[in-house]
Amino acid sequence: MDLWTLDSAIRNPIISSSIPEKSLSRKLGAVEIRFPKRKLSTSGYCSLVVRATSKKSNDDSSASGGEKKPSNGNKSGDSASTPKPFGLNSDWREFRANLFMKEQEEKAEAEGHKPDTTTSPEAEPRGLKWAHPIPFPETGCVLVATEKLDGYRTFARTVVLLLRAGTNHPQEGPFGVVINRPLHKNIKHMKSTKTELATTFSECSLYFGGPLEASMFLLKTVDKTKIPGLEEVMPGLNYGARNTLDEAAVLVKKGLLEPQDFRFFVGYAGWQLDQLREEIESDYWHVAACSSELICGASPENLWEEILQLMGGQYSELSRKPKLDM
């Protein structure tokens, strides 16, 4: 079984269900994703097209038919040499989170009651683990499934990390990976035709990333630097696909990266831009920003509850609700 051909033996136990899954808006169909293939020795890159298909049966279309083309993303290399006015090792997301938390504190004081430190963002030190709602999806945000998705096994109580927010262009829709569905398997448990997977990354963990057929990996770096050849999601978190695996392996062999910093995902989730907007407006997803420390934590199975609790208020109430059977 090859990670990059996505044999159904791994995928079916996750997405199959005795309850027929309903269609949210569209059937799953064939899409294309484009991953820029960068060279470590040059700033130029060419586009590698990977065709991703998904079943048109009873799969829910919360990850249907999006076509996407990752771009260069944030130019974090420029900001690395520029003094940051809002704190050492911070980025604009942390700055926004601090503003949000301060606003929540001031609001609580104005209303004459003390903030609930067990469910609000103040429960964790700022800059370590934090999460708060945002009005619109953006690259690096998370989509947190609401109770409306409890009847759709593929996405029930999932957290999707949005790797690209997408555009209105039909080939540049938003896409991401489910980050709280570990398969409890390592690369070595698979019969991979890719040499680097069988050797360099043999101990890396596997996760169910979504119902669409293309595999990706996430890499967390301690110093929050941008890794050549990979796409930056946020400072300290990068992603790659098959065409960047060899470059990542070279950095591991040079001792610049550690294999345990990688997570591999079988499949991904994708949308058309209007479709994702429609699903958010229909209350299938809560949109949140959260820290890379939270995204890459040690307990992915509890991530859905943890993010909602850190968001506070009505979100923390949702985290304590029993799962609905539909």
C-alpha atoms as a PDB file:
ATOM      1  CA  MET A   1       0.000   0.000   0.000  1.00  0.00           C
ATOM      2  CA  ASP A   2       1.464   3.338  -1.084  1.00  0.00           C
ATOM      3  CA  LEU A   3       0.779   6.575   0.794  1.00  0.00           C
ATOM      4  CA  TRP A   4       0.691   8.492  -2.452  1.00  0.00           C
ATOM      5  CA  THR A   5      -1.774   6.189  -4.219  1.00  0.00           C
ATOM      6  CA  LEU A   6      -4.073   6.224  -1.193  1.00  0.00           C
ATOM      7  CA  ASP A   7      -5.196   2.626  -1.037  1.00  0.00           C
ATOM      8  CA  SER A   8      -8.770   2.343   0.228  1.00  0.00           C
ATOM      9  CA  ALA A   9      -7.736  -0.102   2.944  1.00  0.00           C
ATOM     10  CA  ILE A  10      -6.753   2.837   5.160  1.00  0.00           C
ATOM     11  CA  ARG A  11      -9.419   5.288   4.072  1.00  0.00           C
ATOM     12  CA  ASN A  12     -12.563   3.189   4.327  1.00  0.00           C
ATOM     13  CA  PRO A  13     -12.586   2.562   8.108  1.00  0.00           C
ATOM     14  CA  ILE A  14     -12.636   6.303   8.664  1.00  0.00           C
ATOM     15  CA  ILE A  15     -15.222   7.467   6.181  1.00  0.00           C
ATOM     16  CA  SER A  16     -17.529   4.470   5.970  1.00  0.00           C
ATOM     17  CA  SER A  17     -20.668   4.478   8.061  1.00  0.00           C
ATOM     18  CA  SER A  18     -23.716   2.340   8.508  1.00  0.00           C
ATOM     19  CA  ILE A  19     -25.740   5.542   8.329  1.00  0.00           C
ATOM     20  CA  PRO A  20     -25.926   6.938   4.776  1.00  0.00           C
ATOM     21  CA  GLU A  21     -24.267  10.320   4.771  1.00  0.00           C
ATOM     22  CA  LYS A  22     -26.354  13.187   3.476  1.00  0.00           C
ATOM     23  CA  SER A  23     -25.220  15.653   0.850  1.00  0.00           C
ATOM     24  CA  LEU A  24     -24.616  19.180   2.083  1.00  0.00           C
ATOM     25  CA  SER A  25     -24.609  20.893  -1.287  1.00  0.00           C
ATOM     26  CA  ARG A  26     -22.645  19.037  -3.979  1.00  0.00           C
ATOM     27  CA  LYS A  27     -21.452  15.522  -4.741  1.00  0.00           C
ATOM     28  CA  LEU A  28     -17.755  14.801  -4.496  1.00  0.00           C
ATOM     29  CA  GLY A  29     -16.096  14.938  -7.873  1.00  0.00           C
ATOM     30  CA  ALA A  30     -12.735  15.035  -9.628  1.00  0.00           C
ATOM     31  CA  VAL A  31     -10.570  18.026  -8.849  1.00  0.00           C
ATOM     32  CA  GLU A  32      -7.026  19.118  -9.470  1.00  0.00           C
ATOM     33  CA  ILE A  33      -4.548  20.607  -7.062  1.00  0.00           C
ATOM     34  CA  ARG A  34      -1.351  22.320  -8.033  1.00  0.00           C
ATOM     35  CA  PHE A  35       1.669  22.257  -5.773  1.00  0.00           C
ATOM     36  CA  PRO A  36       4.646  24.490  -6.640  1.00  0.00           C
ATOM     37  CA  LYS A  37       7.767  22.376  -6.971  1.00  0.00           C
ATOM     38  CA  ARG A  38      10.622  24.439  -5.640  1.00  0.00           C
ATOM     39  CA  LYS A  39      14.336  23.887  -6.015  1.00  0.00           C
ATOM     40  CA  LEU A  40      16.578  24.360  -3.005  1.00  0.00           C
ATOM     41  CA  SER A  41      19.198  26.000  -5.206  1.00  0.00           C
ATOM     42  CA  THR A  42      16.952  28.493  -7.008  1.00  0.00           C
ATOM     43  CA  SER A  43      14.060  30.806  -6.325  1.00  0.00           C
ATOM     44  CA  GLY A  44      12.153  29.661  -9.403  1.00  0.00           C
ATOM     45  CA  TYR A  45       9.617  26.874  -9.388  1.00  0.00           C
ATOM     46  CA  CYS A  46       7.431  24.968 -11.779  1.00  0.00           C
ATOM     47  CA  SER A  47       3.900  23.711 -11.201  1.00  0.00           C
ATOM     48  CA  LEU A  48       3.238  20.019 -10.620  1.00  0.00           C
ATOM     49  CA  VAL A  49      -0.389  19.049 -11.190  1.00  0.00           C
ATOM     50  CA  VAL A  50      -1.774  16.194  -9.120  1.00  0.00           C
ATOM     51  CA  ARG A  51      -5.209  14.917 -10.068  1.00  0.00           C
ATOM     52  CA  ALA A  52      -7.324  14.117  -7.032  1.00  0.00           C
ATOM     53  CA  THR A  53     -10.541  12.157  -7.336  1.00  0.00           C
ATOM     54  CA  SER A  54     -13.157  11.238  -4.813  1.00  0.00           C
ATOM     55  CA  LYS A  55     -16.148   8.951  -4.729  1.00  0.00           C
ATOM     56  CA  LYS A  56     -19.459  10.185  -6.063  1.00  0.00           C
ATOM     57  CA  SER A  57     -21.528   7.905  -3.885  1.00  0.00           C
ATOM     58  CA  ASN A  58     -22.823   8.862  -0.450  1.00  0.00           C
ATOM     59  CA  ASP A  59     -19.795  10.843   0.742  1.00  0.00           C
ATOM     60  CA  ASP A  60     -20.704  14.212   2.190  1.00  0.00           C
ATOM     61  CA  SER A  61     -19.572  17.140   0.072  1.00  0.00           C
ATOM     62  CA  SER A  62     -18.131  19.265   2.814  1.00  0.00           C
ATOM     63  CA  ALA A  63     -14.824  18.615   1.039  1.00  0.00           C
ATOM     64  CA  SER A  64     -16.083  18.490  -2.505  1.00  0.00           C
ATOM     65  CA  GLY A  65     -14.565  19.512  -5.751  1.00  0.00           C
ATOM     66  CA  GLY A  66     -12.327  22.385  -4.636  1.00  0.00           C
ATOM     67  CA  GLU A  67      -9.405  23.079  -6.935  1.00  0.00           C
ATOM     68  CA  LYS A  68      -6.451  24.799  -5.459  1.00  0.00           C
ATOM     69  CA  LYS A  69      -3.068  26.226  -6.308  1.00  0.00           C
ATOM     70  CA  PRO A  70      -0.829  27.005  -3.349  1.00  0.00           C
ATOM     71  CA  SER A  71       0.980  30.261  -3.779  1.00  0.00           C
ATOM     72  CA  ASN A  72       4.046  31.640  -2.098  1.00  0.00           C
ATOM     73  CA  GLY A  73       2.019  32.655   0.958  1.00  0.00           C
ATOM     74  CA  ASN A  74       3.357  34.954   3.664  1.00  0.00           C
ATOM     75  CA  LYS A  75       6.799  36.401   3.080  1.00  0.00           C
ATOM     76  CA  SER A  76       8.036  35.513   6.516  1.00  0.00           C
ATOM     77  CA  GLY A  77      11.640  35.688   5.420  1.00  0.00           C
ATOM     78  CA  ASP A  78      11.429  39.480   5.251  1.00  0.00           C
ATOM     79  CA  SER A  79       9.916  39.824   8.697  1.00  0.00           C
ATOM     80  CA  ALA A  80      12.571  37.618  10.260  1.00  0.00           C
ATOM     81  CA  SER A  81      15.159  40.410   9.980  1.00  0.00           C
ATOM     82  CA  THR A  82      12.745  43.195  10.958  1.00  0.00           C
ATOM     83  CA  PRO A  83      12.221  44.178  14.614  1.00  0.00           C
ATOM     84  CA  LYS A  84       8.774  43.153  15.818  1.00  0.00           C
ATOM     85  CA  PRO A  85       7.070  45.886  17.859  1.00  0.00           C
ATOM     86  CA  PHE A  86       4.667  43.614  19.684  1.00  0.00           C
ATOM     87  CA  GLY A  87       6.952  41.072  21.282  1.00  0.00           C
ATOM     88  CA  LEU A  88       9.853  38.738  20.701  1.00  0.00           C
ATOM     89  CA  ASN A  89       9.110  35.698  18.508  1.00  0.00           C
ATOM     90  CA  SER A  90       5.602  36.985  17.832  1.00  0.00           C
ATOM     91  CA  ASP A  91       3.737  37.261  14.559  1.00  0.00           C
ATOM     92  CA  TRP A  92       0.676  39.251  13.562  1.00  0.00           C
ATOM     93  CA  ARG A  93      -1.611  36.377  14.546  1.00  0.00           C
ATOM     94  CA  GLU A  94      -0.308  36.439  18.110  1.00  0.00           C
ATOM     95  CA  PHE A  95      -0.664  40.198  18.155  1.00  0.00           C
ATOM     96  CA  ARG A  96      -4.294  39.912  17.041  1.00  0.00           C
ATOM     97  CA  ALA A  97      -4.925  37.192  19.626  1.00  0.00           C
ATOM     98  CA  ASN A  98      -3.590  39.438  22.394  1.00  0.00           C
ATOM     99  CA  LEU A  99      -5.872  42.239  21.243  1.00  0.00           C
ATOM    100  CA  PHE A 100      -8.853  39.888  21.202  1.00  0.00           C
ATOM    101  CA  MET A 101      -8.099  38.588  24.688  1.00  0.00           C
ATOM    102  CA  LYS A 102      -7.670  42.092  26.067  1.00  0.00           C
ATOM    103  CA  GLU A 103     -10.974  43.111  24.520  1.00  0.00           C
ATOM    104  CA  GLN A 104     -12.684  40.120  26.133  1.00  0.00           C
ATOM    105  CA  GLU A 105     -11.218  41.043  29.525  1.00  0.00           C
ATOM    106  CA  GLU A 106     -12.370  44.647  29.202  1.00  0.00           C
ATOM    107  CA  LYS A 107     -15.812  43.514  28.119  1.00  0.00           C
ATOM    108  CA  ALA A 108     -16.097  41.202  31.120  1.00  0.00           C
ATOM    109  CA  GLU A 109     -15.023  43.981  33.484  1.00  0.00           C
ATOM    110  CA  ALA A 110     -17.530  46.395  31.947  1.00  0.00           C
ATOM    111  CA  GLU A 111     -20.295  43.855  32.479  1.00  0.00           C
ATOM    112  CA  GLY A 112     -19.277  43.563  36.113  1.00  0.00           C
ATOM    113  CA  HIS A 113     -18.185  39.965  36.280  1.00  0.00           C
ATOM    114  CA  LYS A 114     -14.888  38.120  36.282  1.00  0.00           C
ATOM    115  CA  PRO A 115     -13.911  36.225  33.105  1.00  0.00           C
ATOM    116  CA  ASP A 116     -14.390  32.441  33.231  1.00  0.00           C
ATOM    117  CA  THR A 117     -10.765  31.324  33.342  1.00  0.00           C
ATOM    118  CA  THR A 118     -11.703  27.685  32.807  1.00  0.00           C
ATOM    119  CA  THR A 119     -13.168  28.233  29.353  1.00  0.00           C
ATOM    120  CA  SER A 120     -11.868  31.556  28.073  1.00  0.00           C
ATOM    121  CA  PRO A 121      -8.639  32.227  26.154  1.00  0.00           C
ATOM    122  CA  GLU A 122      -7.129  33.581  29.376  1.00  0.00           C
ATOM    123  CA  ALA A 123      -6.902  29.980  30.630  1.00  0.00           C
ATOM    124  CA  GLU A 124      -3.552  29.589  28.814  1.00  0.00           C
ATOM    125  CA  PRO A 125      -0.536  31.912  28.786  1.00  0.00           C
ATOM    126  CA  ARG A 126      -0.655  34.201  25.792  1.00  0.00           C
ATOM    127  CA  GLY A 127       1.614  33.085  22.977  1.00  0.00           C
ATOM    128  CA  LEU A 128       1.540  29.389  23.961  1.00  0.00           C
ATOM    129  CA  LYS A 129      -1.926  27.943  23.535  1.00  0.00           C
ATOM    130  CA  TRP A 130      -4.706  30.207  22.412  1.00  0.00           C
ATOM    131  CA  ALA A 131      -7.751  30.170  20.143  1.00  0.00           C
ATOM    132  CA  HIS A 132     -10.407  32.715  19.265  1.00  0.00           C
ATOM    133  CA  PRO A 133     -13.186  33.067  16.674  1.00  0.00           C
ATOM    134  CA  ILE A 134     -12.633  35.024  13.472  1.00  0.00           C
ATOM    135  CA  PRO A 135     -15.318  36.158  11.012  1.00  0.00           C
ATOM    136  CA  PHE A 136     -13.822  34.804   7.779  1.00  0.00           C
ATOM    137  CA  PRO A 137     -11.560  31.885   6.821  1.00  0.00           C
ATOM    138  CA  GLU A 138      -7.904  32.644   6.187  1.00  0.00           C
ATOM    139  CA  THR A 139      -4.772  30.637   5.492  1.00  0.00           C
ATOM    140  CA  GLY A 140      -3.695  28.964   8.735  1.00  0.00           C
ATOM    141  CA  CYS A 141      -7.101  29.149  10.421  1.00  0.00           C
ATOM    142  CA  VAL A 142      -9.037  26.103  11.571  1.00  0.00           C
ATOM    143  CA  LEU A 143     -12.546  25.015  10.695  1.00  0.00           C
ATOM    144  CA  VAL A 144     -14.170  23.446  13.745  1.00  0.00           C
ATOM    145  CA  ALA A 145     -17.120  21.182  12.979  1.00  0.00           C
ATOM    146  CA  THR A 146     -20.402  22.162  14.637  1.00  0.00           C
ATOM    147  CA  GLU A 147     -23.069  19.777  15.920  1.00  0.00           C
ATOM    148  CA  LYS A 148     -24.698  19.969  12.480  1.00  0.00           C
ATOM    149  CA  LEU A 149     -21.937  17.688  11.204  1.00  0.00           C
ATOM    150  CA  ASP A 150     -22.433  15.062  13.921  1.00  0.00           C
ATOM    151  CA  GLY A 151     -24.396  12.972  11.407  1.00  0.00           C
ATOM    152  CA  TYR A 152     -21.614  13.068   8.812  1.00  0.00           C
ATOM    153  CA  ARG A 153     -19.016  10.618   9.999  1.00  0.00           C
ATOM    154  CA  THR A 154     -16.257  11.913   7.754  1.00  0.00           C
ATOM    155  CA  PHE A 155     -16.327  15.340   9.381  1.00  0.00           C
ATOM    156  CA  ALA A 156     -18.081  14.813  12.723  1.00  0.00           C
ATOM    157  CA  ARG A 157     -16.174  16.707  15.434  1.00  0.00           C
ATOM    158  CA  THR A 158     -13.218  17.353  13.191  1.00  0.00           C
ATOM    159  CA  VAL A 159     -10.756  20.227  13.084  1.00  0.00           C
ATOM    160  CA  VAL A 160      -9.578  21.153   9.593  1.00  0.00           C
ATOM    161  CA  LEU A 161      -6.411  23.215   9.243  1.00  0.00           C
ATOM    162  CA  LEU A 162      -6.863  25.449   6.200  1.00  0.00           C
ATOM    163  CA  LEU A 163      -3.603  25.325   4.250  1.00  0.00           C
ATOM    164  CA  ARG A 164      -4.848  27.843   1.700  1.00  0.00           C
ATOM    165  CA  ALA A 165      -7.829  30.178   1.989  1.00  0.00           C
ATOM    166  CA  GLY A 166      -8.309  30.106  -1.779  1.00  0.00           C
ATOM    167  CA  THR A 167      -9.707  32.553  -4.317  1.00  0.00           C
ATOM    168  CA  ASN A 168     -12.716  32.735  -6.622  1.00  0.00           C
ATOM    169  CA  HIS A 169     -10.672  31.103  -9.381  1.00  0.00           C
ATOM    170  CA  PRO A 170     -12.079  27.593  -9.998  1.00  0.00           C
ATOM    171  CA  GLN A 171      -8.614  26.040  -9.674  1.00  0.00           C
ATOM    172  CA  GLU A 172      -7.654  27.922  -6.515  1.00  0.00           C
ATOM    173  CA  GLY A 173     -10.302  26.949  -3.996  1.00  0.00           C
ATOM    174  CA  PRO A 174      -9.594  26.568  -0.271  1.00  0.00           C
ATOM    175  CA  PHE A 175      -8.160  23.283   0.986  1.00  0.00           C
ATOM    176  CA  GLY A 176      -6.753  21.785   4.162  1.00  0.00           C
ATOM    177  CA  VAL A 177      -6.305  18.652   6.237  1.00  0.00           C
ATOM    178  CA  VAL A 178      -8.156  17.156   9.174  1.00  0.00           C
ATOM    179  CA  ILE A 179      -5.662  17.318  12.043  1.00  0.00           C
ATOM    180  CA  ASN A 180      -7.463  15.425  14.830  1.00  0.00           C
ATOM    181  CA  ARG A 181      -7.973  12.004  13.230  1.00  0.00           C
ATOM    182  CA  PRO A 182      -4.820   9.926  13.852  1.00  0.00           C
ATOM    183  CA  LEU A 183      -4.810   6.526  12.161  1.00  0.00           C
ATOM    184  CA  HIS A 184      -2.597   5.065  14.912  1.00  0.00           C
ATOM    185  CA  LYS A 185      -0.228   3.791  12.243  1.00  0.00           C
ATOM    186  CA  ASN A 186       3.252   4.773  11.151  1.00  0.00           C
ATOM    187  CA  ILE A 187       4.729   4.968   7.659  1.00  0.00           C
ATOM    188  CA  LYS A 188       6.570   1.705   8.290  1.00  0.00           C
ATOM    189  CA  HIS A 189       3.245  -0.115   8.484  1.00  0.00           C
ATOM    190  CA  MET A 190       2.678   0.624   4.812  1.00  0.00           C
ATOM    191  CA  LYS A 191       4.220  -0.863   1.694  1.00  0.00           C
ATOM    192  CA  SER A 192       5.421   2.342   0.145  1.00  0.00           C
ATOM    193  CA  THR A 193       7.071   2.599  -3.259  1.00  0.00           C
ATOM    194  CA  LYS A 194       8.690   5.854  -2.171  1.00  0.00           C
ATOM    195  CA  THR A 195      12.176   5.161  -0.779  1.00  0.00           C
ATOM    196  CA  GLU A 196      12.223   8.156   1.567  1.00  0.00           C
ATOM    197  CA  LEU A 197       8.953   7.079   3.175  1.00  0.00           C
ATOM    198  CA  ALA A 198      10.275   3.580   3.845  1.00  0.00           C
ATOM    199  CA  THR A 199      13.519   4.872   5.363  1.00  0.00           C
ATOM    200  CA  THR A 200      13.822   8.483   6.502  1.00  0.00           C
ATOM    201  CA  PHE A 201      10.179   8.878   7.554  1.00  0.00           C
ATOM    202  CA  SER A 202       9.360   5.301   8.550  1.00  0.00           C
ATOM    203  CA  GLU A 203       8.487   6.250  12.164  1.00  0.00           C
ATOM    204  CA  CYS A 204       6.287   9.215  11.262  1.00  0.00           C
ATOM    205  CA  SER A 205       2.633   9.133  12.261  1.00  0.00           C
ATOM    206  CA  LEU A 206      -0.231   8.852   9.798  1.00  0.00           C
ATOM    207  CA  TYR A 207      -3.454  10.868   9.993  1.00  0.00           C
ATOM    208  CA  PHE A 208      -6.693  10.853   8.067  1.00  0.00           C
ATOM    209  CA  GLY A 209      -6.572  14.184   6.245  1.00  0.00           C
ATOM    210  CA  GLY A 210      -9.848  14.138   4.337  1.00  0.00           C
ATOM    211  CA  PRO A 211     -11.890  12.331   1.679  1.00  0.00           C
ATOM    212  CA  LEU A 212     -10.083  13.693  -1.393  1.00  0.00           C
ATOM    213  CA  GLU A 213      -7.222  11.674  -2.781  1.00  0.00           C
ATOM    214  CA  ALA A 214      -3.878  13.377  -2.381  1.00  0.00           C
ATOM    215  CA  SER A 215      -1.453  13.124   0.500  1.00  0.00           C
ATOM    216  CA  MET A 216       0.393  15.885   2.324  1.00  0.00           C
ATOM    217  CA  PHE A 217       2.631  16.388   5.315  1.00  0.00           C
ATOM    218  CA  LEU A 218       2.958  19.053   7.986  1.00  0.00           C
ATOM    219  CA  LEU A 219       6.251  20.128   9.507  1.00  0.00           C
ATOM    220  CA  LYS A 220       6.589  22.052  12.765  1.00  0.00           C
ATOM    221  CA  THR A 221       9.802  23.980  13.370  1.00  0.00           C
ATOM    222  CA  VAL A 222      10.874  25.327  16.737  1.00  0.00           C
ATOM    223  CA  ASP A 223      12.493  28.539  15.505  1.00  0.00           C
ATOM    224  CA  LYS A 224       9.511  29.415  13.253  1.00  0.00           C
ATOM    225  CA  THR A 225      11.703  29.840  10.178  1.00  0.00           C
ATOM    226  CA  LYS A 226      10.468  29.225   6.658  1.00  0.00           C
ATOM    227  CA  ILE A 227      11.775  25.972   5.160  1.00  0.00           C
ATOM    228  CA  PRO A 228      13.069  26.115   1.581  1.00  0.00           C
ATOM    229  CA  GLY A 229      10.947  24.026  -0.753  1.00  0.00           C
ATOM    230  CA  LEU A 230       7.925  23.930   1.561  1.00  0.00           C
ATOM    231  CA  GLU A 231       4.897  26.196   1.830  1.00  0.00           C
ATOM    232  CA  GLU A 232       4.428  28.186   5.025  1.00  0.00           C
ATOM    233  CA  VAL A 233       1.008  27.991   6.681  1.00  0.00           C
ATOM    234  CA  MET A 234       2.047  30.196   9.597  1.00  0.00           C
ATOM    235  CA  PRO A 235       5.361  30.911  11.316  1.00  0.00           C
ATOM    236  CA  GLY A 236       6.635  27.582  12.604  1.00  0.00           C
ATOM    237  CA  LEU A 237       4.307  25.420  10.493  1.00  0.00           C
ATOM    238  CA  ASN A 238       4.905  24.359   6.882  1.00  0.00           C
ATOM    239  CA  TYR A 239       3.355  21.853   4.531  1.00  0.00           C
ATOM    240  CA  GLY A 240       4.453  19.865   1.526  1.00  0.00           C
ATOM    241  CA  ALA A 241       3.281  17.164  -0.847  1.00  0.00           C
ATOM    242  CA  ARG A 242       4.855  14.360  -2.826  1.00  0.00           C
ATOM    243  CA  ASN A 243       6.886  16.697  -5.003  1.00  0.00           C
ATOM    244  CA  THR A 244       8.634  18.238  -1.977  1.00  0.00           C
ATOM    245  CA  LEU A 245       9.264  15.036  -0.029  1.00  0.00           C
ATOM    246  CA  ASP A 246      12.780  14.512  -1.405  1.00  0.00           C
ATOM    247  CA  GLU A 247      13.801  18.044  -0.480  1.00  0.00           C
ATOM    248  CA  ALA A 248      12.476  17.545   3.049  1.00  0.00           C
ATOM    249  CA  ALA A 249      14.390  14.267   3.334  1.00  0.00           C
ATOM    250  CA  VAL A 250      17.627  16.034   2.382  1.00  0.00           C
ATOM    251  CA  LEU A 251      17.152  18.498   5.234  1.00  0.00           C
ATOM    252  CA  VAL A 252      16.540  15.617   7.649  1.00  0.00           C
ATOM    253  CA  LYS A 253      19.692  13.819   6.538  1.00  0.00           C
ATOM    254  CA  LYS A 254      21.672  17.029   7.026  1.00  0.00           C
ATOM    255  CA  GLY A 255      20.406  17.213  10.597  1.00  0.00           C
ATOM    256  CA  LEU A 256      18.489  20.430   9.983  1.00  0.00           C
ATOM    257  CA  LEU A 257      15.109  18.771  10.629  1.00  0.00           C
ATOM    258  CA  GLU A 258      13.945  15.838  12.752  1.00  0.00           C
ATOM    259  CA  PRO A 259      11.629  13.072  11.428  1.00  0.00           C
ATOM    260  CA  GLN A 260       9.409  13.353  14.515  1.00  0.00           C
ATOM    261  CA  ASP A 261       8.531  16.924  13.508  1.00  0.00           C
ATOM    262  CA  PHE A 262       6.607  15.594  10.487  1.00  0.00           C
ATOM    263  CA  ARG A 263       2.999  14.423  10.304  1.00  0.00           C
ATOM    264  CA  PHE A 264       1.701  12.674   7.206  1.00  0.00           C
ATOM    265  CA  PHE A 265      -1.912  12.889   6.076  1.00  0.00           C
ATOM    266  CA  VAL A 266      -3.805  10.443   3.924  1.00  0.00           C
ATOM    267  CA  GLY A 267      -6.182  12.571   1.881  1.00  0.00           C
ATOM    268  CA  TYR A 268      -7.292  16.172   2.239  1.00  0.00           C
ATOM    269  CA  ALA A 269     -10.436  18.329   2.249  1.00  0.00           C
ATOM    270  CA  GLY A 270     -11.223  20.890  -0.436  1.00  0.00           C
ATOM    271  CA  TRP A 271     -13.970  23.274  -1.474  1.00  0.00           C
ATOM    272  CA  GLN A 272     -14.948  25.824  -4.030  1.00  0.00           C
ATOM    273  CA  LEU A 273     -14.728  29.236  -2.366  1.00  0.00           C
ATOM    274  CA  ASP A 274     -18.482  29.859  -2.557  1.00  0.00           C
ATOM    275  CA  GLN A 275     -19.201  26.391  -1.234  1.00  0.00           C
ATOM    276  CA  LEU A 276     -17.095  26.857   1.885  1.00  0.00           C
ATOM    277  CA  ARG A 277     -18.648  30.258   2.487  1.00  0.00           C
ATOM    278  CA  GLU A 278     -22.093  28.673   2.167  1.00  0.00           C
ATOM    279  CA  GLU A 279     -21.238  25.932   4.662  1.00  0.00           C
ATOM    280  CA  ILE A 280     -19.922  28.461   7.185  1.00  0.00           C
ATOM    281  CA  GLU A 281     -23.014  30.644   6.814  1.00  0.00           C
ATOM    282  CA  SER A 282     -25.162  27.520   7.248  1.00  0.00           C
ATOM    283  CA  ASP A 283     -23.427  26.907  10.588  1.00  0.00           C
ATOM    284  CA  TYR A 284     -21.591  23.712   9.650  1.00  0.00           C
ATOM    285  CA  TRP A 285     -18.240  25.178  10.693  1.00  0.00           C
ATOM    286  CA  HIS A 286     -16.909  27.584  13.295  1.00  0.00           C
ATOM    287  CA  VAL A 287     -13.908  29.543  12.010  1.00  0.00           C
ATOM    288  CA  ALA A 288     -11.075  30.148  14.467  1.00  0.00           C
ATOM    289  CA  ALA A 289      -7.481  31.263  14.689  1.00  0.00           C
ATOM    290  CA  CYS A 290      -5.240  29.316  17.039  1.00  0.00           C
ATOM    291  CA  SER A 291      -1.577  28.951  17.895  1.00  0.00           C
ATOM    292  CA  SER A 292       0.769  26.511  16.202  1.00  0.00           C
ATOM    293  CA  GLU A 293       1.504  25.035  19.642  1.00  0.00           C
ATOM    294  CA  LEU A 294      -2.147  24.087  19.900  1.00  0.00           C
ATOM    295  CA  ILE A 295      -2.359  22.701  16.367  1.00  0.00           C
ATOM    296  CA  CYS A 296       0.716  20.534  16.855  1.00  0.00           C
ATOM    297  CA  GLY A 297      -0.098  19.413  20.392  1.00  0.00           C
ATOM    298  CA  ALA A 298       0.394  15.916  21.710  1.00  0.00           C
ATOM    299  CA  SER A 299      -3.315  15.016  22.051  1.00  0.00           C
ATOM    300  CA  PRO A 300      -5.001  15.414  18.654  1.00  0.00           C
ATOM    301  CA  GLU A 301      -8.017  13.349  19.735  1.00  0.00           C
ATOM    302  CA  ASN A 302      -8.978  16.083  22.220  1.00  0.00           C
ATOM    303  CA  LEU A 303      -8.224  19.007  19.920  1.00  0.00           C
ATOM    304  CA  TRP A 304     -11.868  19.678  18.973  1.00  0.00           C
ATOM    305  CA  GLU A 305     -12.865  20.133  22.619  1.00  0.00           C
ATOM    306  CA  GLU A 306      -9.705  22.056  23.528  1.00  0.00           C
ATOM    307  CA  ILE A 307     -10.100  24.657  20.781  1.00  0.00           C
ATOM    308  CA  LEU A 308     -13.774  25.246  21.582  1.00  0.00           C
ATOM    309  CA  GLN A 309     -13.007  25.634  25.297  1.00  0.00           C
ATOM    310  CA  LEU A 310     -10.262  28.160  24.585  1.00  0.00           C
ATOM    311  CA  MET A 311     -12.650  30.103  22.344  1.00  0.00           C
ATOM    312  CA  GLY A 312     -14.942  30.484  25.362  1.00  0.00           C
ATOM    313  CA  GLY A 313     -18.611  31.404  25.681  1.00  0.00           C
ATOM    314  CA  GLN A 314     -21.045  29.562  23.438  1.00  0.00           C
ATOM    315  CA  TYR A 315     -18.173  27.620  21.897  1.00  0.00           C
ATOM    316  CA  SER A 316     -17.094  26.098  25.199  1.00  0.00           C
ATOM    317  CA  GLU A 317     -20.705  25.078  25.785  1.00  0.00           C
ATOM    318  CA  LEU A 318     -20.657  23.170  22.492  1.00  0.00           C
ATOM    319  CA  SER A 319     -17.539  21.266  23.581  1.00  0.00           C
ATOM    320  CA  ARG A 320     -19.498  19.766  26.490  1.00  0.00           C
ATOM    321  CA  LYS A 321     -22.540  18.705  24.482  1.00  0.00           C
ATOM    322  CA  PRO A 322     -22.979  14.986  23.808  1.00  0.00           C
ATOM    323  CA  LYS A 323     -22.534  13.908  20.216  1.00  0.00           C
ATOM    324  CA  LEU A 324     -25.787  13.777  18.287  1.00  0.00           C
ATOM    325  CA  ASP A 325     -26.821  10.556  16.541  1.00  0.00           C
ATOM    326  CA  MET A 326     -28.474  11.295  13.199  1.00  0.00           C
END
